[in-house]
Amino acid sequence: MSETIQLKAIRELRNYSQQYTAKMIGVSQSYYSKLENGQAKLTADLVQRVLKVFEINTLHPLFLGNDNFLEGLIDQTNELQKMKEILNSLVKRVEQLERIVEHFNINPKKHK
């Protein structure tokens, strides 16, 4: 079963109309219909909103085969890794500067 059919099935199991679901996730009813019919793709942001509205977790089979969702998670993970590397680099630079200051016994308060 494709994720679009599952999206519709879960909505129907919840007894939600397309109109209600669309309103709750912040899209038009016609756009939501396209999501269910596979004419529009679920983005990571939309997936998060759908998860909240349907009160389901990310391990639900609806999302396991959704490439856009997985790509979004991978992109976010990559961005977090880049941020971590930048922070680590900054920490190393601060440590280097602290050693330099310590080596020269520079007291920043004296230079003000």
N, C-alpha and C. Protein backbone atom coordinates (compact mmCIF):
# COMPACT_ATOMS: atom_id res chain seq x y z
N MET A 1 0.85 -1.19 0.00
CA MET A 1 0.00 0.00 0.00
C MET A 1 0.89 1.24 0.00
N SER A 2 0.64 2.18 -0.87
CA SER A 2 1.47 3.38 -0.95
C SER A 2 1.15 4.32 0.21
N GLU A 3 2.09 5.26 0.48
CA GLU A 3 1.87 6.18 1.59
C GLU A 3 0.68 7.09 1.35
N THR A 4 0.35 7.38 0.07
CA THR A 4 -0.81 8.25 -0.18
C THR A 4 -2.09 7.53 0.17
N ILE A 5 -2.18 6.25 -0.16
CA ILE A 5 -3.37 5.48 0.20
C ILE A 5 -3.44 5.34 1.72
N GLN A 6 -2.29 5.15 2.37
CA GLN A 6 -2.27 5.04 3.82
C GLN A 6 -2.66 6.36 4.47
N LEU A 7 -2.25 7.46 3.89
CA LEU A 7 -2.63 8.77 4.41
C LEU A 7 -4.15 8.90 4.43
N LYS A 8 -4.77 8.53 3.35
CA LYS A 8 -6.23 8.57 3.26
C LYS A 8 -6.87 7.61 4.25
N ALA A 9 -6.32 6.40 4.34
CA ALA A 9 -6.88 5.39 5.24
C ALA A 9 -6.82 5.84 6.69
N ILE A 10 -5.70 6.43 7.09
CA ILE A 10 -5.58 6.90 8.47
C ILE A 10 -6.55 8.04 8.73
N ARG A 11 -6.67 8.95 7.76
CA ARG A 11 -7.62 10.05 7.92
C ARG A 11 -9.03 9.51 8.10
N GLU A 12 -9.38 8.53 7.28
CA GLU A 12 -10.73 7.96 7.37
C GLU A 12 -10.93 7.18 8.67
N LEU A 13 -9.88 6.50 9.14
CA LEU A 13 -9.98 5.81 10.43
C LEU A 13 -10.23 6.78 11.57
N ARG A 14 -9.70 7.96 11.45
CA ARG A 14 -9.89 9.00 12.47
C ARG A 14 -11.24 9.71 12.30
N ASN A 15 -11.94 9.37 11.23
CA ASN A 15 -13.21 10.02 10.90
C ASN A 15 -13.03 11.52 10.67
N TYR A 16 -11.89 11.89 10.07
CA TYR A 16 -11.62 13.27 9.73
C TYR A 16 -11.97 13.50 8.27
N SER A 17 -12.54 14.64 7.98
CA SER A 17 -12.78 15.00 6.59
C SER A 17 -11.48 15.56 6.01
N GLN A 18 -11.42 15.62 4.69
CA GLN A 18 -10.28 16.26 4.06
C GLN A 18 -10.21 17.73 4.48
N GLN A 19 -11.36 18.38 4.54
CA GLN A 19 -11.43 19.80 4.90
C GLN A 19 -10.85 20.02 6.29
N TYR A 20 -11.26 19.19 7.26
CA TYR A 20 -10.77 19.33 8.62
C TYR A 20 -9.27 19.08 8.69
N THR A 21 -8.82 18.00 8.07
CA THR A 21 -7.41 17.65 8.10
C THR A 21 -6.57 18.74 7.45
N ALA A 22 -7.03 19.23 6.31
CA ALA A 22 -6.32 20.30 5.61
C ALA A 22 -6.20 21.53 6.50
N LYS A 23 -7.28 21.91 7.14
CA LYS A 23 -7.27 23.08 8.02
C LYS A 23 -6.29 22.88 9.17
N MET A 24 -6.28 21.68 9.75
CA MET A 24 -5.41 21.40 10.90
C MET A 24 -3.93 21.41 10.53
N ILE A 25 -3.60 21.02 9.29
CA ILE A 25 -2.18 21.03 8.90
C ILE A 25 -1.80 22.32 8.16
N GLY A 26 -2.77 23.18 7.94
CA GLY A 26 -2.47 24.49 7.37
C GLY A 26 -2.35 24.54 5.86
N VAL A 27 -3.11 23.70 5.17
CA VAL A 27 -3.12 23.74 3.70
C VAL A 27 -4.57 23.79 3.23
N SER A 28 -4.75 24.07 1.97
CA SER A 28 -6.12 24.08 1.42
C SER A 28 -6.61 22.65 1.26
N GLN A 29 -7.91 22.50 1.18
CA GLN A 29 -8.49 21.18 0.99
C GLN A 29 -8.06 20.59 -0.34
N SER A 30 -7.97 21.43 -1.37
CA SER A 30 -7.58 20.92 -2.69
C SER A 30 -6.13 20.43 -2.68
N TYR A 31 -5.26 21.14 -1.94
CA TYR A 31 -3.87 20.70 -1.85
C TYR A 31 -3.78 19.40 -1.06
N TYR A 32 -4.55 19.31 0.01
CA TYR A 32 -4.55 18.08 0.80
C TYR A 32 -5.03 16.90 -0.05
N SER A 33 -6.03 17.13 -0.86
CA SER A 33 -6.52 16.10 -1.76
C SER A 33 -5.39 15.61 -2.68
N LYS A 34 -4.60 16.56 -3.17
CA LYS A 34 -3.45 16.20 -4.03
C LYS A 34 -2.43 15.36 -3.26
N LEU A 35 -2.24 15.67 -1.97
CA LEU A 35 -1.33 14.86 -1.15
C LEU A 35 -1.84 13.41 -1.07
N GLU A 36 -3.13 13.27 -0.84
CA GLU A 36 -3.71 11.93 -0.74
C GLU A 36 -3.65 11.18 -2.06
N ASN A 37 -3.75 11.91 -3.16
CA ASN A 37 -3.77 11.27 -4.48
C ASN A 37 -2.39 11.14 -5.10
N GLY A 38 -1.37 11.57 -4.38
CA GLY A 38 -0.02 11.45 -4.90
C GLY A 38 0.36 12.51 -5.93
N GLN A 39 -0.46 13.54 -6.07
CA GLN A 39 -0.17 14.61 -7.02
C GLN A 39 0.70 15.70 -6.40
N ALA A 40 0.86 15.65 -5.09
CA ALA A 40 1.75 16.57 -4.37
C ALA A 40 2.55 15.71 -3.39
N LYS A 41 3.77 16.15 -3.10
CA LYS A 41 4.64 15.37 -2.23
C LYS A 41 4.61 15.89 -0.80
N LEU A 42 4.68 14.96 0.12
CA LEU A 42 4.78 15.32 1.53
C LEU A 42 6.19 15.81 1.83
N THR A 43 6.28 17.00 2.34
CA THR A 43 7.59 17.51 2.77
C THR A 43 7.79 17.13 4.23
N ALA A 44 9.00 17.29 4.72
CA ALA A 44 9.29 16.97 6.13
C ALA A 44 8.41 17.81 7.05
N ASP A 45 8.22 19.08 6.70
CA ASP A 45 7.38 19.96 7.51
C ASP A 45 5.93 19.49 7.54
N LEU A 46 5.40 19.14 6.38
CA LEU A 46 4.03 18.64 6.32
C LEU A 46 3.88 17.33 7.08
N VAL A 47 4.88 16.49 6.98
CA VAL A 47 4.83 15.21 7.69
C VAL A 47 4.71 15.46 9.19
N GLN A 48 5.49 16.40 9.70
CA GLN A 48 5.43 16.71 11.13
C GLN A 48 4.04 17.20 11.53
N ARG A 49 3.43 18.02 10.69
CA ARG A 49 2.09 18.52 11.01
C ARG A 49 1.06 17.39 10.94
N VAL A 50 1.20 16.51 9.94
CA VAL A 50 0.28 15.37 9.81
C VAL A 50 0.43 14.44 11.02
N LEU A 51 1.67 14.21 11.44
CA LEU A 51 1.91 13.37 12.62
C LEU A 51 1.15 13.90 13.83
N LYS A 52 1.22 15.20 14.01
CA LYS A 52 0.56 15.82 15.15
C LYS A 52 -0.96 15.68 15.05
N VAL A 53 -1.51 15.97 13.88
CA VAL A 53 -2.96 15.91 13.70
C VAL A 53 -3.48 14.48 13.86
N PHE A 54 -2.77 13.52 13.29
CA PHE A 54 -3.21 12.13 13.37
C PHE A 54 -2.77 11.42 14.65
N GLU A 55 -1.98 12.13 15.46
CA GLU A 55 -1.50 11.60 16.74
C GLU A 55 -0.80 10.25 16.55
N ILE A 56 0.15 10.23 15.62
CA ILE A 56 0.92 9.02 15.39
C ILE A 56 2.41 9.35 15.43
N ASN A 57 3.22 8.32 15.62
CA ASN A 57 4.66 8.55 15.70
C ASN A 57 5.34 8.23 14.38
N THR A 58 6.61 8.56 14.29
CA THR A 58 7.34 8.42 13.03
C THR A 58 7.61 6.97 12.65
N LEU A 59 7.36 6.04 13.53
CA LEU A 59 7.56 4.63 13.19
C LEU A 59 6.34 4.03 12.50
N HIS A 60 5.30 4.83 12.35
CA HIS A 60 4.10 4.35 11.67
C HIS A 60 4.44 3.98 10.23
N PRO A 61 3.90 2.89 9.71
CA PRO A 61 4.22 2.45 8.34
C PRO A 61 3.95 3.50 7.27
N LEU A 62 3.07 4.46 7.54
CA LEU A 62 2.80 5.53 6.58
C LEU A 62 4.08 6.26 6.20
N PHE A 63 4.99 6.40 7.15
CA PHE A 63 6.16 7.23 6.94
C PHE A 63 7.42 6.44 6.64
N LEU A 64 7.39 5.15 6.85
CA LEU A 64 8.60 4.36 6.65
C LEU A 64 9.04 4.34 5.19
N GLY A 65 8.10 4.39 4.26
CA GLY A 65 8.46 4.35 2.85
C GLY A 65 8.45 5.71 2.17
N ASN A 66 8.30 6.76 2.93
CA ASN A 66 8.20 8.09 2.35
C ASN A 66 9.59 8.68 2.16
N ASP A 67 10.07 8.69 0.92
CA ASP A 67 11.41 9.18 0.62
C ASP A 67 11.60 10.64 1.01
N ASN A 68 10.57 11.47 0.78
CA ASN A 68 10.71 12.89 1.12
C ASN A 68 10.91 13.07 2.62
N PHE A 69 10.17 12.31 3.40
CA PHE A 69 10.31 12.40 4.84
C PHE A 69 11.71 11.97 5.26
N LEU A 70 12.14 10.83 4.72
CA LEU A 70 13.47 10.32 5.06
C LEU A 70 14.55 11.27 4.58
N GLU A 71 14.39 11.84 3.38
CA GLU A 71 15.36 12.80 2.87
C GLU A 71 15.42 14.03 3.78
N GLY A 72 14.27 14.46 4.25
CA GLY A 72 14.22 15.60 5.17
C GLY A 72 14.97 15.32 6.46
N LEU A 73 14.77 14.12 6.99
CA LEU A 73 15.50 13.75 8.21
C LEU A 73 17.00 13.69 7.95
N ILE A 74 17.37 13.14 6.81
CA ILE A 74 18.80 13.06 6.46
C ILE A 74 19.38 14.47 6.31
N ASP A 75 18.65 15.35 5.63
CA ASP A 75 19.11 16.74 5.47
C ASP A 75 19.29 17.42 6.82
N GLN A 76 18.32 17.23 7.71
CA GLN A 76 18.41 17.85 9.03
C GLN A 76 19.59 17.27 9.81
N THR A 77 19.79 15.97 9.70
CA THR A 77 20.91 15.32 10.38
C THR A 77 22.23 15.86 9.85
N ASN A 78 22.33 16.01 8.53
CA ASN A 78 23.55 16.55 7.92
C ASN A 78 23.81 17.97 8.38
N GLU A 79 22.77 18.79 8.45
CA GLU A 79 22.92 20.17 8.90
C GLU A 79 23.37 20.21 10.36
N LEU A 80 22.80 19.34 11.18
CA LEU A 80 23.21 19.29 12.58
C LEU A 80 24.66 18.86 12.71
N GLN A 81 25.09 17.92 11.88
CA GLN A 81 26.47 17.47 11.90
C GLN A 81 27.42 18.61 11.52
N LYS A 82 27.03 19.38 10.49
CA LYS A 82 27.84 20.53 10.09
C LYS A 82 27.95 21.55 11.23
N MET A 83 26.82 21.81 11.90
CA MET A 83 26.83 22.75 13.02
C MET A 83 27.73 22.25 14.14
N LYS A 84 27.66 20.96 14.40
CA LYS A 84 28.50 20.37 15.45
C LYS A 84 29.98 20.54 15.11
N GLU A 85 30.34 20.31 13.85
CA GLU A 85 31.73 20.48 13.42
C GLU A 85 32.18 21.93 13.56
N ILE A 86 31.32 22.86 13.21
CA ILE A 86 31.65 24.28 13.34
C ILE A 86 31.85 24.63 14.82
N LEU A 87 30.95 24.16 15.66
CA LEU A 87 31.08 24.44 17.10
C LEU A 87 32.36 23.84 17.67
N ASN A 88 32.67 22.61 17.27
CA ASN A 88 33.91 21.98 17.73
C ASN A 88 35.12 22.79 17.30
N SER A 89 35.09 23.27 16.07
CA SER A 89 36.18 24.08 15.56
C SER A 89 36.31 25.38 16.36
N LEU A 90 35.19 25.99 16.67
CA LEU A 90 35.21 27.23 17.47
C LEU A 90 35.74 26.98 18.88
N VAL A 91 35.34 25.86 19.47
CA VAL A 91 35.82 25.51 20.81
C VAL A 91 37.34 25.34 20.78
N LYS A 92 37.85 24.66 19.76
CA LYS A 92 39.31 24.47 19.63
C LYS A 92 40.01 25.82 19.47
N ARG A 93 39.42 26.71 18.71
CA ARG A 93 40.03 28.03 18.49
C ARG A 93 40.06 28.82 19.80
N VAL A 94 38.99 28.77 20.56
CA VAL A 94 38.93 29.46 21.85
C VAL A 94 39.99 28.89 22.79
N GLU A 95 40.11 27.57 22.78
CA GLU A 95 41.14 26.94 23.62
C GLU A 95 42.54 27.40 23.21
N GLN A 96 42.78 27.51 21.90
CA GLN A 96 44.07 28.01 21.42
C GLN A 96 44.33 29.43 21.89
N LEU A 97 43.32 30.27 21.77
CA LEU A 97 43.45 31.66 22.20
C LEU A 97 43.68 31.75 23.71
N GLU A 98 43.01 30.90 24.47
CA GLU A 98 43.23 30.89 25.92
C GLU A 98 44.67 30.52 26.25
N ARG A 99 45.23 29.55 25.51
CA ARG A 99 46.62 29.15 25.74
C ARG A 99 47.58 30.29 25.39
N ILE A 100 47.28 31.01 24.30
CA ILE A 100 48.11 32.14 23.91
C ILE A 100 48.07 33.22 24.99
N VAL A 101 46.90 33.54 25.45
CA VAL A 101 46.75 34.55 26.49
C VAL A 101 47.49 34.10 27.74
N GLU A 102 47.32 32.84 28.10
CA GLU A 102 48.00 32.30 29.28
C GLU A 102 49.52 32.34 29.10
N HIS A 103 50.00 32.00 27.91
CA HIS A 103 51.44 31.99 27.63
C HIS A 103 52.06 33.38 27.80
N PHE A 104 51.38 34.38 27.33
CA PHE A 104 51.91 35.74 27.40
C PHE A 104 51.46 36.48 28.67
N ASN A 105 50.73 35.76 29.50
CA ASN A 105 50.20 36.36 30.73
C ASN A 105 49.52 37.69 30.45
N ILE A 106 48.72 37.68 29.41
CA ILE A 106 48.00 38.89 29.03
C ILE A 106 46.76 38.99 29.90
N ASN A 107 46.61 40.13 30.52
CA ASN A 107 45.42 40.40 31.32
C ASN A 107 44.57 41.38 30.54
N PRO A 108 43.46 40.93 29.96
CA PRO A 108 42.64 41.82 29.12
C PRO A 108 42.16 43.08 29.86
N LYS A 109 42.02 43.00 31.17
CA LYS A 109 41.52 44.17 31.92
C LYS A 109 42.53 45.31 31.93
N LYS A 110 43.83 44.97 31.85
CA LYS A 110 44.88 45.99 31.85
C LYS A 110 44.85 46.83 30.58
N HIS A 111 44.36 46.28 29.49
CA HIS A 111 44.41 46.95 28.18
C HIS A 111 43.18 47.78 27.88
N LYS A 112 42.29 47.91 28.82
CA LYS A 112 41.07 48.69 28.57
C LYS A 112 41.27 50.15 28.80
